[in-house]
C-alpha atoms as a PDB file:
ATOM      1  CA  SER A   1      -0.068  -0.043  -0.100  1.00  0.00           C
ATOM      2  CA  VAL A   2       1.372   3.598  -0.831  1.00  0.00           C
ATOM      3  CA  ASN A   3       0.304   4.660   2.570  1.00  0.00           C
ATOM      4  CA  ARG A   4       2.653   2.173   4.230  1.00  0.00           C
ATOM      5  CA  ARG A   5       5.466   2.756   1.904  1.00  0.00           C
ATOM      6  CA  TRP A   6       8.742   4.649   3.119  1.00  0.00           C
ATOM      7  CA  GLU A   7       9.755   7.251   0.636  1.00  0.00           C
ATOM      8  CA  VAL A   8      11.940   5.897  -2.131  1.00  0.00           C
ATOM      9  CA  GLU A   9      14.180   8.965  -1.738  1.00  0.00           C
ATOM     10  CA  LYS A  10      14.961   7.921   1.785  1.00  0.00           C
ATOM     11  CA  PHE A  11      15.859   4.270   0.582  1.00  0.00           C
ATOM     12  CA  ALA A  12      18.227   6.153  -1.843  1.00  0.00           C
ATOM     13  CA  GLU A  13      19.904   7.880   0.787  1.00  0.00           C
ATOM     14  CA  VAL A  14      20.405   4.668   2.741  1.00  0.00           C
ATOM     15  CA  ALA A  15      21.562   2.942  -0.267  1.00  0.00           C
ATOM     16  CA  LYS A  16      24.366   5.427  -0.590  1.00  0.00           C
ATOM     17  CA  GLU A  17      25.736   4.251   2.647  1.00  0.00           C
ATOM     18  CA  ILE A  18      25.380   0.717   1.663  1.00  0.00           C
ATOM     19  CA  GLY A  19      27.439   1.493  -1.383  1.00  0.00           C
ATOM     20  CA  ARG A  20      30.103   3.195   0.735  1.00  0.00           C
ATOM     21  CA  GLN A  21      30.501  -0.287   2.507  1.00  0.00           C
ATOM     22  CA  ASP A  22      31.188  -1.750  -0.887  1.00  0.00           C
ATOM     23  CA  LEU A  23      28.000  -3.851  -0.859  1.00  0.00           C
ATOM     24  CA  PRO A  24      25.794  -4.064  -3.707  1.00  0.00           C
ATOM     25  CA  VAL A  25      22.261  -3.121  -3.734  1.00  0.00           C
ATOM     26  CA  VAL A  26      19.592  -5.661  -5.037  1.00  0.00           C
ATOM     27  CA  LEU A  27      16.230  -4.417  -5.616  1.00  0.00           C
ATOM     28  CA  VAL A  28      13.239  -6.823  -5.383  1.00  0.00           C
ATOM     29  CA  GLY A  29       9.483  -6.096  -5.586  1.00  0.00           C
ATOM     30  CA  ALA A  30       6.342  -6.926  -7.502  1.00  0.00           C
ATOM     31  CA  PRO A  31       5.852  -5.732 -11.014  1.00  0.00           C
ATOM     32  CA  TYR A  32       3.614  -2.888 -10.013  1.00  0.00           C
ATOM     33  CA  GLU A  33       6.595  -1.443  -8.184  1.00  0.00           C
ATOM     34  CA  ARG A  34       8.616  -0.960 -11.420  1.00  0.00           C
ATOM     35  CA  GLY A  35       7.954   2.877 -11.181  1.00  0.00           C
ATOM     36  CA  LEU A  36       9.577   2.874  -7.772  1.00  0.00           C
ATOM     37  CA  ALA A  37      12.487   0.953  -9.029  1.00  0.00           C
ATOM     38  CA  LEU A  38      12.953   3.449 -12.001  1.00  0.00           C
ATOM     39  CA  ARG A  39      12.797   6.359  -9.459  1.00  0.00           C
ATOM     40  CA  PHE A  40      15.322   4.697  -7.185  1.00  0.00           C
ATOM     41  CA  ASN A  41      17.576   4.068 -10.151  1.00  0.00           C
ATOM     42  CA  GLU A  42      17.558   7.779 -10.912  1.00  0.00           C
ATOM     43  CA  LEU A  43      18.592   8.694  -7.327  1.00  0.00           C
ATOM     44  CA  TYR A  44      21.137   5.925  -6.836  1.00  0.00           C
ATOM     45  CA  GLN A  45      23.997   5.386  -9.164  1.00  0.00           C
ATOM     46  CA  GLY A  46      26.064   2.976  -7.131  1.00  0.00           C
ATOM     47  CA  ASN A  47      26.424  -0.759  -7.739  1.00  0.00           C
ATOM     48  CA  LYS A  48      22.976  -2.323  -7.997  1.00  0.00           C
ATOM     49  CA  VAL A  49      21.039  -5.174  -9.481  1.00  0.00           C
ATOM     50  CA  ASP A  50      17.325  -4.493 -10.376  1.00  0.00           C
ATOM     51  CA  LEU A  51      15.220  -7.592 -10.095  1.00  0.00           C
ATOM     52  CA  VAL A  52      11.812  -5.648  -9.533  1.00  0.00           C
ATOM     53  CA  GLY A  53       8.960  -7.597 -11.101  1.00  0.00           C
ATOM     54  CA  GLN A  54      11.167 -10.351 -12.249  1.00  0.00           C
ATOM     55  CA  LEU A  55      11.360 -13.122  -9.391  1.00  0.00           C
ATOM     56  CA  SER A  56       9.025 -15.780  -8.392  1.00  0.00           C
ATOM     57  CA  VAL A  57       8.712 -16.588  -4.672  1.00  0.00           C
ATOM     58  CA  PRO A  58      11.219 -19.300  -4.697  1.00  0.00           C
ATOM     59  CA  GLU A  59      13.633 -17.021  -6.458  1.00  0.00           C
ATOM     60  CA  LEU A  60      13.078 -14.345  -3.955  1.00  0.00           C
ATOM     61  CA  ILE A  61      13.818 -16.884  -1.248  1.00  0.00           C
ATOM     62  CA  ALA A  62      17.060 -17.644  -2.977  1.00  0.00           C
ATOM     63  CA  VAL A  63      18.029 -14.094  -3.258  1.00  0.00           C
ATOM     64  CA  VAL A  64      17.288 -13.349   0.369  1.00  0.00           C
ATOM     65  CA  ASN A  65      19.258 -16.447   1.297  1.00  0.00           C
ATOM     66  CA  GLN A  66      22.294 -15.246  -0.461  1.00  0.00           C
ATOM     67  CA  SER A  67      22.041 -11.706   0.900  1.00  0.00           C
ATOM     68  CA  SER A  68      24.193 -10.188   3.629  1.00  0.00           C
ATOM     69  CA  PHE A  69      21.125  -8.508   4.958  1.00  0.00           C
ATOM     70  CA  VAL A  70      17.592  -7.262   3.930  1.00  0.00           C
ATOM     71  CA  LEU A  71      16.511  -3.557   4.019  1.00  0.00           C
ATOM     72  CA  THR A  72      12.879  -3.087   3.254  1.00  0.00           C
ATOM     73  CA  ASN A  73       9.670  -1.749   4.619  1.00  0.00           C
ATOM     74  CA  ASP A  74       7.529  -4.616   3.354  1.00  0.00           C
ATOM     75  CA  THR A  75       7.470  -7.524   5.953  1.00  0.00           C
ATOM     76  CA  ALA A  76       7.295 -10.248   3.415  1.00  0.00           C
ATOM     77  CA  PRO A  77      11.116 -10.204   2.775  1.00  0.00           C
ATOM     78  CA  VAL A  78      11.696  -9.942   6.234  1.00  0.00           C
ATOM     79  CA  HIS A  79       9.524 -12.979   7.138  1.00  0.00           C
ATOM     80  CA  ILE A  80      11.817 -14.909   4.687  1.00  0.00           C
ATOM     81  CA  ALA A  81      14.989 -13.417   6.271  1.00  0.00           C
ATOM     82  CA  VAL A  82      13.830 -14.388   9.755  1.00  0.00           C
ATOM     83  CA  ALA A  83      12.942 -17.986   8.660  1.00  0.00           C
ATOM     84  CA  LEU A  84      16.578 -18.218   7.149  1.00  0.00           C
ATOM     85  CA  LYS A  85      18.282 -16.356   9.965  1.00  0.00           C
ATOM     86  CA  ILE A  86      19.481 -13.509   7.652  1.00  0.00           C
ATOM     87  CA  PRO A  87      19.917 -10.247   9.228  1.00  0.00           C
ATOM     88  CA  SER A  88      17.197  -7.692   8.404  1.00  0.00           C
ATOM     89  CA  LEU A  89      16.259  -4.025   8.787  1.00  0.00           C
ATOM     90  CA  CYS A  90      12.543  -3.220   8.350  1.00  0.00           C
ATOM     91  CA  VAL A  91      11.138   0.231   8.344  1.00  0.00           C
ATOM     92  CA  VAL A  92       7.480  -0.165   9.753  1.00  0.00           C
ATOM     93  CA  GLY A  93       4.651   2.217  10.064  1.00  0.00           C
ATOM     94  CA  ALA A  94       2.962   2.374  13.362  1.00  0.00           C
ATOM     95  CA  GLY A  95      -0.639   1.708  12.343  1.00  0.00           C
ATOM     96  CA  GLN A  96      -0.555  -1.870  13.470  1.00  0.00           C
ATOM     97  CA  LEU A  97       2.747  -1.820  15.278  1.00  0.00           C
ATOM     98  CA  GLY A  98       3.597  -5.388  16.581  1.00  0.00           C
ATOM     99  CA  MET A  99       1.239  -7.531  14.667  1.00  0.00           C
ATOM    100  CA  LEU A 100       3.707  -8.415  11.927  1.00  0.00           C
ATOM    101  CA  SER A 101       6.979  -7.056  13.537  1.00  0.00           C
ATOM    102  CA  PHE A 102       9.029  -7.188  16.579  1.00  0.00           C
ATOM    103  CA  TYR A 103       9.969 -10.840  16.099  1.00  0.00           C
ATOM    104  CA  GLY A 104      12.931 -12.843  14.913  1.00  0.00           C
ATOM    105  CA  TYR A 105      16.280 -12.695  16.387  1.00  0.00           C
ATOM    106  CA  LYS A 106      16.502  -9.304  18.033  1.00  0.00           C
ATOM    107  CA  HIS A 107      20.197  -8.791  17.387  1.00  0.00           C
ATOM    108  CA  ILE A 108      19.914  -9.322  13.785  1.00  0.00           C
ATOM    109  CA  ASN A 109      16.202  -8.683  12.815  1.00  0.00           C
ATOM    110  CA  ARG A 110      15.758  -5.016  13.557  1.00  0.00           C
ATOM    111  CA  TRP A 111      12.538  -2.917  13.327  1.00  0.00           C
ATOM    112  CA  VAL A 112      12.540   0.862  12.933  1.00  0.00           C
ATOM    113  CA  TYR A 113       9.528   2.904  13.464  1.00  0.00           C
ATOM    114  CA  ALA A 114       8.535   6.399  14.785  1.00  0.00           C
ATOM    115  CA  LYS A 115       6.497   7.098  17.850  1.00  0.00           C
ATOM    116  CA  THR A 116       3.815   9.413  16.417  1.00  0.00           C
ATOM    117  CA  ASP A 117       0.306  10.406  17.617  1.00  0.00           C
ATOM    118  CA  CYS A 118      -1.222   7.674  15.216  1.00  0.00           C
ATOM    119  CA  LEU A 119       0.757   4.882  17.043  1.00  0.00           C
ATOM    120  CA  ALA A 120      -1.454   1.647  16.813  1.00  0.00           C
ATOM    121  CA  ASP A 121      -4.340   3.484  15.248  1.00  0.00           C
ATOM    122  CA  ASP A 122      -5.164   0.507  12.846  1.00  0.00           C
ATOM    123  CA  TRP A 123      -4.043   2.830   9.951  1.00  0.00           C
ATOM    124  CA  ARG A 124      -6.635   5.461  10.627  1.00  0.00           C
ATOM    125  CA  CYS A 125      -4.128   7.991  10.064  1.00  0.00           C
ATOM    126  CA  VAL A 126      -4.219   7.394   6.321  1.00  0.00           C
ATOM    127  CA  LEU A 127      -7.575   9.103   6.306  1.00  0.00           C
ATOM    128  CA  ARG A 128      -5.627  12.399   6.880  1.00  0.00           C
ATOM    129  CA  VAL A 129      -3.435  12.005   3.795  1.00  0.00           C
ATOM    130  CA  PRO A 130      -4.017  11.558   0.107  1.00  0.00           C
ATOM    131  CA  SER A 131      -4.475   8.078  -1.114  1.00  0.00           C
ATOM    132  CA  ASP A 132      -1.152   8.346  -2.992  1.00  0.00           C
ATOM    133  CA  ALA A 133       0.751   9.513  -0.160  1.00  0.00           C
ATOM    134  CA  PRO A 134       2.573   7.716   2.797  1.00  0.00           C
ATOM    135  CA  ALA A 135       0.924   7.725   6.344  1.00  0.00           C
ATOM    136  CA  PRO A 136       2.567  10.158   8.692  1.00  0.00           C
ATOM    137  CA  CYS A 137       3.769   7.328  11.003  1.00  0.00           C
ATOM    138  CA  ILE A 138       6.088   6.004   8.131  1.00  0.00           C
ATOM    139  CA  THR A 139       7.285   9.396   6.893  1.00  0.00           C
ATOM    140  CA  ALA A 140       8.318  10.212  10.385  1.00  0.00           C
ATOM    141  CA  VAL A 141      10.983   7.513  10.266  1.00  0.00           C
ATOM    142  CA  SER A 142      14.180   9.395   9.644  1.00  0.00           C
ATOM    143  CA  VAL A 143      17.037   8.362   7.378  1.00  0.00           C
ATOM    144  CA  GLY A 144      19.230   8.949  10.483  1.00  0.00           C
ATOM    145  CA  GLU A 145      17.404   6.486  12.547  1.00  0.00           C
ATOM    146  CA  VAL A 146      17.703   3.868   9.734  1.00  0.00           C
ATOM    147  CA  LEU A 147      21.399   4.461   9.241  1.00  0.00           C
ATOM    148  CA  LYS A 148      21.877   4.249  13.117  1.00  0.00           C
ATOM    149  CA  GLU A 149      20.405   0.660  12.933  1.00  0.00           C
ATOM    150  CA  LEU A 150      22.210  -0.127   9.607  1.00  0.00           C
ATOM    151  CA  HIS A 151      25.456   0.665  11.147  1.00  0.00           C
ATOM    152  CA  GLU A 152      24.727  -1.595  14.124  1.00  0.00           C
ATOM    153  CA  LEU A 153      23.582  -4.361  12.040  1.00  0.00           C
ATOM    154  CA  LEU A 154      26.740  -4.095   9.637  1.00  0.00           C
ATOM    155  CA  ARG A 155      28.924  -4.200  12.779  1.00  0.00           C
ATOM    156  CA  ILE A 156      27.145  -7.452  13.765  1.00  0.00           C
ATOM    157  CA  ILE A 157      27.574  -8.845  10.467  1.00  0.00           C
ATOM    158  CA  HIS A 158      31.158  -8.062  10.043  1.00  0.00           C
ATOM    159  CA  ASN A 159      31.921  -9.649  13.453  1.00  0.00           C
ATOM    160  CA  ARG A 160      30.043 -12.932  13.047  1.00  0.00           C
ATOM    161  CA  PRO A 161      31.864 -16.080  13.029  1.00  0.00           C
ATOM    162  CA  SER A 162      30.277 -17.916  10.267  1.00  0.00           C
ATOM    163  CA  ASP A 163      28.147 -17.477   7.099  1.00  0.00           C
ATOM    164  CA  LYS A 164      24.980 -17.860   9.043  1.00  0.00           C
ATOM    165  CA  VAL A 165      24.116 -16.070  12.151  1.00  0.00           C
ATOM    166  CA  THR A 166      23.574 -18.211  15.124  1.00  0.00           C
ATOM    167  CA  ASP A 167      21.216 -18.215  18.086  1.00  0.00           C
ATOM    168  CA  LYS A 168      24.196 -17.308  20.174  1.00  0.00           C
ATOM    169  CA  ASN A 169      25.270 -14.083  18.154  1.00  0.00           C
END
């Protein structure tokens, strides 16, 4: 839903930091998200692979399994990452905070959200914004907060002893 989508401009800013870490960015998403991918590609000129609209579910699972980490604001890739013990960072809106978030391995599956006046309002806040605009609880999530969590996640990833994160990490 557009109302639950973190702005592509913010993802591009975070991607710049990922690029500075010499990590490629792999874009995944549904065919209807091609426009977002095109906008991201305009904003981010770094090392990237654009697979938006090209993957089946088994192929998405394979991509997640080969990733260093997942950065998204859609919980579907995070569910896959948690199942595979792949580190993840998910930007979530606060409309139904906790229903599909705050689980996994707390040290490697990170959830970033903003405490707004519409916290846990069952997405009623979207009634105050145009249908093609994100909800206030998702726009309130800052690039700085995501970068803070990203740096912590990267520290953990770089210090892990094996290819997969264990329950002890």
